[in-house]
Amino acid sequence: MEGDPLKKSLTWLHGVLRGKIGHGIETRVLQGLRIILVEKEFMQFDFVVPNVVSDVDGNWHVGALASLLDLIGTITTFWYADCVSAVVDFNSSYYSTVKIQEHVEIESRVMADKGKLMHVVVQVRKKGNGEVIAVGNLWMASNKLTIAQDLEAILLFWDHPLLSSFGLKGERGIVSNMSCGF
């Protein structure tokens, strides 16, 4: 599995779906997600909107839908680039509502690869008539560092003079006095 990005991505996704990785919100948002097709720049999913993501009117809550767009975009770039990327710009557009227990299709595609910057589009459509529900545009950045290199960079950050110029003190992974508003 170490060298296979698809296996790593699917292992991560299955871990999230079972609640073994991440936070409870990811497990709830993705509850019942099924993978239909995986290609190098494209992923397709089948999904029945679960009861746990309902708003007060019985529709798919837009916050839960936004979380799904973000998570699907992240897993697509993880598979495509074989590294963890950070979302640097996220824009979502909502065109229609979906009731709980409705069936939808989700497609995610890498639209542009500019080296360390990738653009992913995630589209959610009603199954059957293909009506577009929502579209997420994510720009993802990757430093392509190994985990060890990334950890070293984080540890160096805590000793950076910029922290003290804001009145912050770094303590190996803990920033105290974080009241600067960012």
C-alpha atoms as a PDB file:
ATOM      1  CA  MET A   1       0.000   0.000   0.000  1.00  0.00           C
ATOM      2  CA  GLU A   2       2.906   2.336   0.683  1.00  0.00           C
ATOM      3  CA  GLY A   3       3.490   3.163  -2.989  1.00  0.00           C
ATOM      4  CA  ASP A   4      -0.093   3.003  -4.262  1.00  0.00           C
ATOM      5  CA  PRO A   5      -1.890   6.360  -3.947  1.00  0.00           C
ATOM      6  CA  LEU A   6      -5.281   4.850  -4.805  1.00  0.00           C
ATOM      7  CA  LYS A   7      -5.033   2.287  -2.010  1.00  0.00           C
ATOM      8  CA  LYS A   8      -3.894   4.993   0.431  1.00  0.00           C
ATOM      9  CA  SER A   9      -6.784   7.242  -0.608  1.00  0.00           C
ATOM     10  CA  LEU A  10      -9.384   4.498  -0.340  1.00  0.00           C
ATOM     11  CA  THR A  11      -7.974   3.329   2.995  1.00  0.00           C
ATOM     12  CA  TRP A  12      -8.232   6.908   4.294  1.00  0.00           C
ATOM     13  CA  LEU A  13     -11.789   7.249   2.952  1.00  0.00           C
ATOM     14  CA  HIS A  14     -12.903   3.934   4.470  1.00  0.00           C
ATOM     15  CA  GLY A  15     -11.309   4.962   7.779  1.00  0.00           C
ATOM     16  CA  VAL A  16     -13.334   8.180   7.740  1.00  0.00           C
ATOM     17  CA  LEU A  17     -16.536   6.347   6.788  1.00  0.00           C
ATOM     18  CA  ARG A  18     -16.079   3.945   9.727  1.00  0.00           C
ATOM     19  CA  GLY A  19     -15.237   6.780  12.139  1.00  0.00           C
ATOM     20  CA  LYS A  20     -11.676   5.591  12.759  1.00  0.00           C
ATOM     21  CA  ILE A  21     -10.063   8.689  11.177  1.00  0.00           C
ATOM     22  CA  GLY A  22     -11.057  12.329  11.487  1.00  0.00           C
ATOM     23  CA  HIS A  23     -13.876  13.818  13.475  1.00  0.00           C
ATOM     24  CA  GLY A  24     -17.471  12.723  13.827  1.00  0.00           C
ATOM     25  CA  ILE A  25     -18.707  15.307  11.348  1.00  0.00           C
ATOM     26  CA  GLU A  26     -16.857  13.678   8.439  1.00  0.00           C
ATOM     27  CA  THR A  27     -18.387  10.304   9.270  1.00  0.00           C
ATOM     28  CA  ARG A  28     -21.885  11.810   9.415  1.00  0.00           C
ATOM     29  CA  VAL A  29     -21.496  13.864   6.243  1.00  0.00           C
ATOM     30  CA  LEU A  30     -20.193  10.891   4.211  1.00  0.00           C
ATOM     31  CA  GLN A  31     -22.461   8.232   5.764  1.00  0.00           C
ATOM     32  CA  GLY A  32     -23.471   5.776   3.025  1.00  0.00           C
ATOM     33  CA  LEU A  33     -21.126   7.139   0.328  1.00  0.00           C
ATOM     34  CA  ARG A  34     -20.306   4.533  -2.337  1.00  0.00           C
ATOM     35  CA  ILE A  35     -17.479   4.706  -4.850  1.00  0.00           C
ATOM     36  CA  ILE A  36     -18.624   4.002  -8.415  1.00  0.00           C
ATOM     37  CA  LEU A  37     -15.630   4.857 -10.619  1.00  0.00           C
ATOM     38  CA  VAL A  38     -12.044   5.956 -10.067  1.00  0.00           C
ATOM     39  CA  GLU A  39      -9.740   7.217 -12.808  1.00  0.00           C
ATOM     40  CA  LYS A  40      -6.546   9.270 -12.542  1.00  0.00           C
ATOM     41  CA  GLU A  41      -8.230  12.698 -12.638  1.00  0.00           C
ATOM     42  CA  PHE A  42     -11.814  11.670 -11.902  1.00  0.00           C
ATOM     43  CA  MET A  43     -13.888  10.054  -9.156  1.00  0.00           C
ATOM     44  CA  GLN A  44     -17.594   9.216  -9.180  1.00  0.00           C
ATOM     45  CA  PHE A  45     -19.732   8.406  -6.153  1.00  0.00           C
ATOM     46  CA  ASP A  46     -23.278   7.300  -5.384  1.00  0.00           C
ATOM     47  CA  PHE A  47     -24.971   8.740  -2.308  1.00  0.00           C
ATOM     48  CA  VAL A  48     -28.314   8.623  -0.531  1.00  0.00           C
ATOM     49  CA  VAL A  49     -28.591  11.715   1.664  1.00  0.00           C
ATOM     50  CA  PRO A  50     -28.717  10.435   5.279  1.00  0.00           C
ATOM     51  CA  ASN A  51     -31.119  11.694   7.947  1.00  0.00           C
ATOM     52  CA  VAL A  52     -28.275  13.001  10.126  1.00  0.00           C
ATOM     53  CA  VAL A  53     -27.546  15.876   7.689  1.00  0.00           C
ATOM     54  CA  SER A  54     -31.073  17.298   7.648  1.00  0.00           C
ATOM     55  CA  ASP A  55     -31.971  20.927   8.155  1.00  0.00           C
ATOM     56  CA  VAL A  56     -35.231  21.952   9.884  1.00  0.00           C
ATOM     57  CA  ASP A  57     -37.193  21.603   6.611  1.00  0.00           C
ATOM     58  CA  GLY A  58     -35.997  18.059   5.872  1.00  0.00           C
ATOM     59  CA  ASN A  59     -33.535  19.183   3.211  1.00  0.00           C
ATOM     60  CA  TRP A  60     -29.838  18.396   2.954  1.00  0.00           C
ATOM     61  CA  HIS A  61     -28.223  21.030   5.189  1.00  0.00           C
ATOM     62  CA  VAL A  62     -26.010  23.341   3.105  1.00  0.00           C
ATOM     63  CA  GLY A  63     -23.224  23.176   5.692  1.00  0.00           C
ATOM     64  CA  ALA A  64     -23.156  19.382   5.461  1.00  0.00           C
ATOM     65  CA  LEU A  65     -23.227  19.638   1.671  1.00  0.00           C
ATOM     66  CA  ALA A  66     -20.288  22.085   1.750  1.00  0.00           C
ATOM     67  CA  SER A  67     -18.375  19.675   3.993  1.00  0.00           C
ATOM     68  CA  LEU A  68     -19.022  16.861   1.532  1.00  0.00           C
ATOM     69  CA  LEU A  69     -17.762  19.004  -1.384  1.00  0.00           C
ATOM     70  CA  ASP A  70     -14.606  19.784   0.596  1.00  0.00           C
ATOM     71  CA  LEU A  71     -13.974  16.171   1.642  1.00  0.00           C
ATOM     72  CA  ILE A  72     -14.558  14.749  -1.851  1.00  0.00           C
ATOM     73  CA  GLY A  73     -12.265  17.392  -3.371  1.00  0.00           C
ATOM     74  CA  THR A  74      -9.592  16.550  -0.818  1.00  0.00           C
ATOM     75  CA  ILE A  75      -9.761  12.795  -1.434  1.00  0.00           C
ATOM     76  CA  THR A  76      -9.585  13.396  -5.199  1.00  0.00           C
ATOM     77  CA  THR A  77      -6.402  15.461  -4.929  1.00  0.00           C
ATOM     78  CA  PHE A  78      -4.930  12.994  -2.433  1.00  0.00           C
ATOM     79  CA  TRP A  79      -5.434  10.219  -4.985  1.00  0.00           C
ATOM     80  CA  TYR A  80      -4.286  12.319  -7.951  1.00  0.00           C
ATOM     81  CA  ALA A  81      -1.165  13.902  -6.409  1.00  0.00           C
ATOM     82  CA  ASP A  82      -0.280  11.216  -3.841  1.00  0.00           C
ATOM     83  CA  CYS A  83       0.076  13.804  -1.100  1.00  0.00           C
ATOM     84  CA  VAL A  84      -2.026  15.772   1.333  1.00  0.00           C
ATOM     85  CA  SER A  85      -3.031  19.184   0.021  1.00  0.00           C
ATOM     86  CA  ALA A  86      -4.524  22.196   1.748  1.00  0.00           C
ATOM     87  CA  VAL A  87      -7.573  24.014   0.440  1.00  0.00           C
ATOM     88  CA  VAL A  88      -6.499  27.584  -0.321  1.00  0.00           C
ATOM     89  CA  ASP A  89      -9.724  28.679  -2.025  1.00  0.00           C
ATOM     90  CA  PHE A  90     -13.165  27.098  -1.742  1.00  0.00           C
ATOM     91  CA  ASN A  91     -16.224  28.334  -3.564  1.00  0.00           C
ATOM     92  CA  SER A  92     -19.542  26.524  -3.594  1.00  0.00           C
ATOM     93  CA  SER A  93     -22.658  27.288  -5.611  1.00  0.00           C
ATOM     94  CA  TYR A  94     -26.078  25.883  -4.740  1.00  0.00           C
ATOM     95  CA  TYR A  95     -28.707  25.506  -7.460  1.00  0.00           C
ATOM     96  CA  SER A  96     -31.401  23.340  -5.890  1.00  0.00           C
ATOM     97  CA  THR A  97     -32.341  21.567  -2.679  1.00  0.00           C
ATOM     98  CA  VAL A  98     -32.392  17.853  -1.973  1.00  0.00           C
ATOM     99  CA  LYS A  99     -34.619  16.105   0.533  1.00  0.00           C
ATOM    100  CA  ILE A 100     -33.286  13.579   2.996  1.00  0.00           C
ATOM    101  CA  GLN A 101     -33.144  10.029   1.553  1.00  0.00           C
ATOM    102  CA  GLU A 102     -32.926  11.319  -2.037  1.00  0.00           C
ATOM    103  CA  HIS A 103     -30.394   9.665  -4.310  1.00  0.00           C
ATOM    104  CA  VAL A 104     -27.589  11.814  -5.778  1.00  0.00           C
ATOM    105  CA  GLU A 105     -24.484  11.324  -7.922  1.00  0.00           C
ATOM    106  CA  ILE A 106     -21.226  13.049  -7.084  1.00  0.00           C
ATOM    107  CA  GLU A 107     -18.411  13.616  -9.568  1.00  0.00           C
ATOM    108  CA  SER A 108     -15.040  15.086  -8.765  1.00  0.00           C
ATOM    109  CA  ARG A 109     -12.446  16.006 -11.369  1.00  0.00           C
ATOM    110  CA  VAL A 110      -8.989  17.577 -11.330  1.00  0.00           C
ATOM    111  CA  MET A 111      -9.411  20.397 -13.850  1.00  0.00           C
ATOM    112  CA  ALA A 112      -5.927  21.908 -13.661  1.00  0.00           C
ATOM    113  CA  ASP A 113      -2.567  20.826 -12.301  1.00  0.00           C
ATOM    114  CA  LYS A 114      -0.098  23.686 -11.954  1.00  0.00           C
ATOM    115  CA  GLY A 115       2.516  21.767  -9.991  1.00  0.00           C
ATOM    116  CA  LYS A 116       1.930  22.661  -6.367  1.00  0.00           C
ATOM    117  CA  LEU A 117      -1.488  24.155  -7.144  1.00  0.00           C
ATOM    118  CA  MET A 118      -4.458  22.090  -8.353  1.00  0.00           C
ATOM    119  CA  HIS A 119      -8.029  22.996  -9.242  1.00  0.00           C
ATOM    120  CA  VAL A 120     -10.746  20.444  -8.463  1.00  0.00           C
ATOM    121  CA  VAL A 121     -14.436  20.685  -9.324  1.00  0.00           C
ATOM    122  CA  VAL A 122     -16.971  18.605  -7.382  1.00  0.00           C
ATOM    123  CA  GLN A 123     -20.486  18.410  -8.792  1.00  0.00           C
ATOM    124  CA  VAL A 124     -23.575  16.959  -7.081  1.00  0.00           C
ATOM    125  CA  ARG A 125     -26.578  16.007  -9.244  1.00  0.00           C
ATOM    126  CA  LYS A 126     -29.912  14.324  -8.580  1.00  0.00           C
ATOM    127  CA  LYS A 127     -29.841  10.728  -9.715  1.00  0.00           C
ATOM    128  CA  GLY A 128     -32.293  10.117 -12.512  1.00  0.00           C
ATOM    129  CA  ASN A 129     -32.901  13.567 -13.955  1.00  0.00           C
ATOM    130  CA  GLY A 130     -29.321  14.890 -13.560  1.00  0.00           C
ATOM    131  CA  GLU A 131     -30.428  18.217 -12.067  1.00  0.00           C
ATOM    132  CA  VAL A 132     -27.393  20.033 -10.656  1.00  0.00           C
ATOM    133  CA  ILE A 133     -27.676  20.543  -6.904  1.00  0.00           C
ATOM    134  CA  ALA A 134     -24.306  22.072  -6.062  1.00  0.00           C
ATOM    135  CA  VAL A 135     -20.852  22.677  -7.506  1.00  0.00           C
ATOM    136  CA  GLY A 136     -17.706  23.108  -5.445  1.00  0.00           C
ATOM    137  CA  ASN A 137     -14.561  24.713  -6.848  1.00  0.00           C
ATOM    138  CA  LEU A 138     -11.468  24.001  -4.782  1.00  0.00           C
ATOM    139  CA  TRP A 139      -7.945  25.258  -5.332  1.00  0.00           C
ATOM    140  CA  MET A 140      -5.593  22.968  -3.465  1.00  0.00           C
ATOM    141  CA  ALA A 141      -1.940  23.651  -2.612  1.00  0.00           C
ATOM    142  CA  SER A 142       0.669  21.037  -1.893  1.00  0.00           C
ATOM    143  CA  ASN A 143       4.188  21.419  -0.603  1.00  0.00           C
ATOM    144  CA  LYS A 144       5.031  17.843  -1.718  1.00  0.00           C
ATOM    145  CA  LEU A 145       7.221  17.424   1.361  1.00  0.00           C
ATOM    146  CA  THR A 146       7.619  14.149   3.148  1.00  0.00           C
ATOM    147  CA  ILE A 147       5.965  13.878   6.546  1.00  0.00           C
ATOM    148  CA  ALA A 148       9.381  14.241   8.224  1.00  0.00           C
ATOM    149  CA  GLN A 149      10.161  17.405   6.226  1.00  0.00           C
ATOM    150  CA  ASP A 150       6.729  18.818   6.980  1.00  0.00           C
ATOM    151  CA  LEU A 151       7.173  18.149  10.711  1.00  0.00           C
ATOM    152  CA  GLU A 152      10.583  19.846  10.670  1.00  0.00           C
ATOM    153  CA  ALA A 153       9.062  22.924   9.005  1.00  0.00           C
ATOM    154  CA  ILE A 154       6.294  23.053  11.632  1.00  0.00           C
ATOM    155  CA  LEU A 155       8.778  22.827  14.486  1.00  0.00           C
ATOM    156  CA  LEU A 156      10.884  25.615  12.946  1.00  0.00           C
ATOM    157  CA  PHE A 157       7.748  27.765  12.673  1.00  0.00           C
ATOM    158  CA  TRP A 158       7.187  27.693  16.436  1.00  0.00           C
ATOM    159  CA  ASP A 159      10.590  29.331  16.936  1.00  0.00           C
ATOM    160  CA  HIS A 160      10.021  31.976  14.240  1.00  0.00           C
ATOM    161  CA  PRO A 161      10.483  35.652  15.308  1.00  0.00           C
ATOM    162  CA  LEU A 162       7.179  36.561  13.639  1.00  0.00           C
ATOM    163  CA  LEU A 163       5.315  34.759  16.407  1.00  0.00           C
ATOM    164  CA  SER A 164       6.930  36.902  19.083  1.00  0.00           C
ATOM    165  CA  SER A 165       6.233  40.094  17.088  1.00  0.00           C
ATOM    166  CA  PHE A 166       2.517  39.322  17.509  1.00  0.00           C
ATOM    167  CA  GLY A 167       2.951  38.569  21.193  1.00  0.00           C
ATOM    168  CA  LEU A 168       2.701  34.843  20.597  1.00  0.00           C
ATOM    169  CA  LYS A 169       4.949  32.262  22.153  1.00  0.00           C
ATOM    170  CA  GLY A 170       5.508  28.963  20.397  1.00  0.00           C
ATOM    171  CA  GLU A 171       5.817  25.867  22.535  1.00  0.00           C
ATOM    172  CA  ARG A 172       6.338  22.798  20.322  1.00  0.00           C
ATOM    173  CA  GLY A 173       2.921  22.567  18.724  1.00  0.00           C
ATOM    174  CA  ILE A 174       1.123  24.901  21.101  1.00  0.00           C
ATOM    175  CA  VAL A 175       0.649  28.599  20.506  1.00  0.00           C
ATOM    176  CA  SER A 176      -0.309  30.523  23.591  1.00  0.00           C
ATOM    177  CA  ASN A 177      -1.868  33.996  23.827  1.00  0.00           C
ATOM    178  CA  MET A 178      -3.688  33.511  20.509  1.00  0.00           C
ATOM    179  CA  SER A 179      -5.901  36.588  20.751  1.00  0.00           C
ATOM    180  CA  CYS A 180      -4.714  38.465  17.661  1.00  0.00           C
ATOM    181  CA  GLY A 181      -7.818  37.598  15.664  1.00  0.00           C
ATOM    182  CA  PHE A 182      -6.355  35.276  13.060  1.00  0.00           C
END
